[in-house]
Amino acid sequence: MKEIIQILQIIVSILLIVFILLQPTRRYSGPYFKRRGIEKILFYLAIFFAFCFVILAILNLVVHEF
């Protein structure tokens, strides 16, 4: 079980890095700027994989204690 969680954490961390690096730089950060299309999808995927990474890190800590 511990090895599966660690492998999943490595895969999720690589995907998180990829989705963060694929996001375009924001040159204009005014109040009317909205994310559209693929930029919005990449943003939400990065948030999802960050959440998954945190959950897997907590699971890894819990499994490691036992």
C-alpha atoms as a PDB file:
ATOM      1  CA  MET A   1       0.000   0.000   0.000  1.00  0.00           C
ATOM      2  CA  LYS A   2       2.809   2.382   0.890  1.00  0.00           C
ATOM      3  CA  GLU A   3       4.537   1.872  -2.462  1.00  0.00           C
ATOM      4  CA  ILE A   4       1.328   2.482  -4.416  1.00  0.00           C
ATOM      5  CA  ILE A   5       0.746   5.793  -2.634  1.00  0.00           C
ATOM      6  CA  GLN A   6       4.325   6.873  -3.284  1.00  0.00           C
ATOM      7  CA  ILE A   7       4.094   5.993  -6.995  1.00  0.00           C
ATOM      8  CA  LEU A   8       0.786   7.867  -7.281  1.00  0.00           C
ATOM      9  CA  GLN A   9       2.328  10.857  -5.519  1.00  0.00           C
ATOM     10  CA  ILE A  10       5.230  10.913  -7.993  1.00  0.00           C
ATOM     11  CA  ILE A  11       2.861  10.727 -10.972  1.00  0.00           C
ATOM     12  CA  VAL A  12       0.600  13.455  -9.570  1.00  0.00           C
ATOM     13  CA  SER A  13       3.581  15.693  -8.815  1.00  0.00           C
ATOM     14  CA  ILE A  14       4.887  15.340 -12.380  1.00  0.00           C
ATOM     15  CA  LEU A  15       1.438  16.132 -13.793  1.00  0.00           C
ATOM     16  CA  LEU A  16       1.137  19.128 -11.462  1.00  0.00           C
ATOM     17  CA  ILE A  17       4.470  20.504 -12.664  1.00  0.00           C
ATOM     18  CA  VAL A  18       3.466  19.995 -16.311  1.00  0.00           C
ATOM     19  CA  PHE A  19       0.109  21.751 -15.927  1.00  0.00           C
ATOM     20  CA  ILE A  20       1.676  24.671 -14.064  1.00  0.00           C
ATOM     21  CA  LEU A  21       4.368  25.106 -16.709  1.00  0.00           C
ATOM     22  CA  LEU A  22       1.849  24.922 -19.571  1.00  0.00           C
ATOM     23  CA  GLN A  23      -0.096  27.908 -18.266  1.00  0.00           C
ATOM     24  CA  PRO A  24       0.631  31.120 -20.154  1.00  0.00           C
ATOM     25  CA  THR A  25       2.182  34.030 -18.294  1.00  0.00           C
ATOM     26  CA  ARG A  26      -0.290  36.696 -17.259  1.00  0.00           C
ATOM     27  CA  ARG A  27       0.888  40.017 -18.607  1.00  0.00           C
ATOM     28  CA  TYR A  28      -2.291  41.857 -17.718  1.00  0.00           C
ATOM     29  CA  SER A  29      -3.816  41.128 -14.326  1.00  0.00           C
ATOM     30  CA  GLY A  30      -6.539  43.752 -14.278  1.00  0.00           C
ATOM     31  CA  PRO A  31      -9.970  43.206 -12.768  1.00  0.00           C
ATOM     32  CA  TYR A  32     -11.558  42.405 -16.141  1.00  0.00           C
ATOM     33  CA  PHE A  33      -9.169  39.660 -17.210  1.00  0.00           C
ATOM     34  CA  LYS A  34     -10.845  36.268 -17.395  1.00  0.00           C
ATOM     35  CA  ARG A  35      -9.417  32.876 -18.221  1.00  0.00           C
ATOM     36  CA  ARG A  36     -10.911  31.354 -21.339  1.00  0.00           C
ATOM     37  CA  GLY A  37     -10.677  28.097 -23.206  1.00  0.00           C
ATOM     38  CA  ILE A  38      -7.629  25.939 -22.654  1.00  0.00           C
ATOM     39  CA  GLU A  39      -6.167  28.403 -20.135  1.00  0.00           C
ATOM     40  CA  LYS A  40      -9.163  27.850 -17.859  1.00  0.00           C
ATOM     41  CA  ILE A  41      -8.891  24.059 -18.199  1.00  0.00           C
ATOM     42  CA  LEU A  42      -5.159  24.118 -17.369  1.00  0.00           C
ATOM     43  CA  PHE A  43      -5.835  26.324 -14.345  1.00  0.00           C
ATOM     44  CA  TYR A  44      -8.486  23.995 -12.934  1.00  0.00           C
ATOM     45  CA  LEU A  45      -6.392  20.894 -13.642  1.00  0.00           C
ATOM     46  CA  ALA A  46      -3.472  22.443 -11.757  1.00  0.00           C
ATOM     47  CA  ILE A  47      -5.746  23.094  -8.772  1.00  0.00           C
ATOM     48  CA  PHE A  48      -7.124  19.535  -8.947  1.00  0.00           C
ATOM     49  CA  PHE A  49      -3.656  17.947  -9.040  1.00  0.00           C
ATOM     50  CA  ALA A  50      -2.445  20.193  -6.206  1.00  0.00           C
ATOM     51  CA  PHE A  51      -5.388  18.996  -4.121  1.00  0.00           C
ATOM     52  CA  CYS A  52      -4.640  15.356  -5.031  1.00  0.00           C
ATOM     53  CA  PHE A  53      -0.970  15.866  -4.122  1.00  0.00           C
ATOM     54  CA  VAL A  54      -1.887  17.171  -0.662  1.00  0.00           C
ATOM     55  CA  ILE A  55      -4.287  14.284  -0.054  1.00  0.00           C
ATOM     56  CA  LEU A  56      -1.675  11.739  -1.137  1.00  0.00           C
ATOM     57  CA  ALA A  57       0.945  13.382   1.087  1.00  0.00           C
ATOM     58  CA  ILE A  58      -1.392  13.090   4.075  1.00  0.00           C
ATOM     59  CA  LEU A  59      -2.163   9.449   3.210  1.00  0.00           C
ATOM     60  CA  ASN A  60       1.533   8.734   2.865  1.00  0.00           C
ATOM     61  CA  LEU A  61       2.138  10.202   6.307  1.00  0.00           C
ATOM     62  CA  VAL A  62      -0.688   8.180   7.865  1.00  0.00           C
ATOM     63  CA  VAL A  63       0.400   4.920   6.234  1.00  0.00           C
ATOM     64  CA  HIS A  64       4.033   5.538   7.163  1.00  0.00           C
ATOM     65  CA  GLU A  65       3.105   5.895  10.839  1.00  0.00           C
ATOM     66  CA  PHE A  66       1.561   2.407  10.974  1.00  0.00           C
END
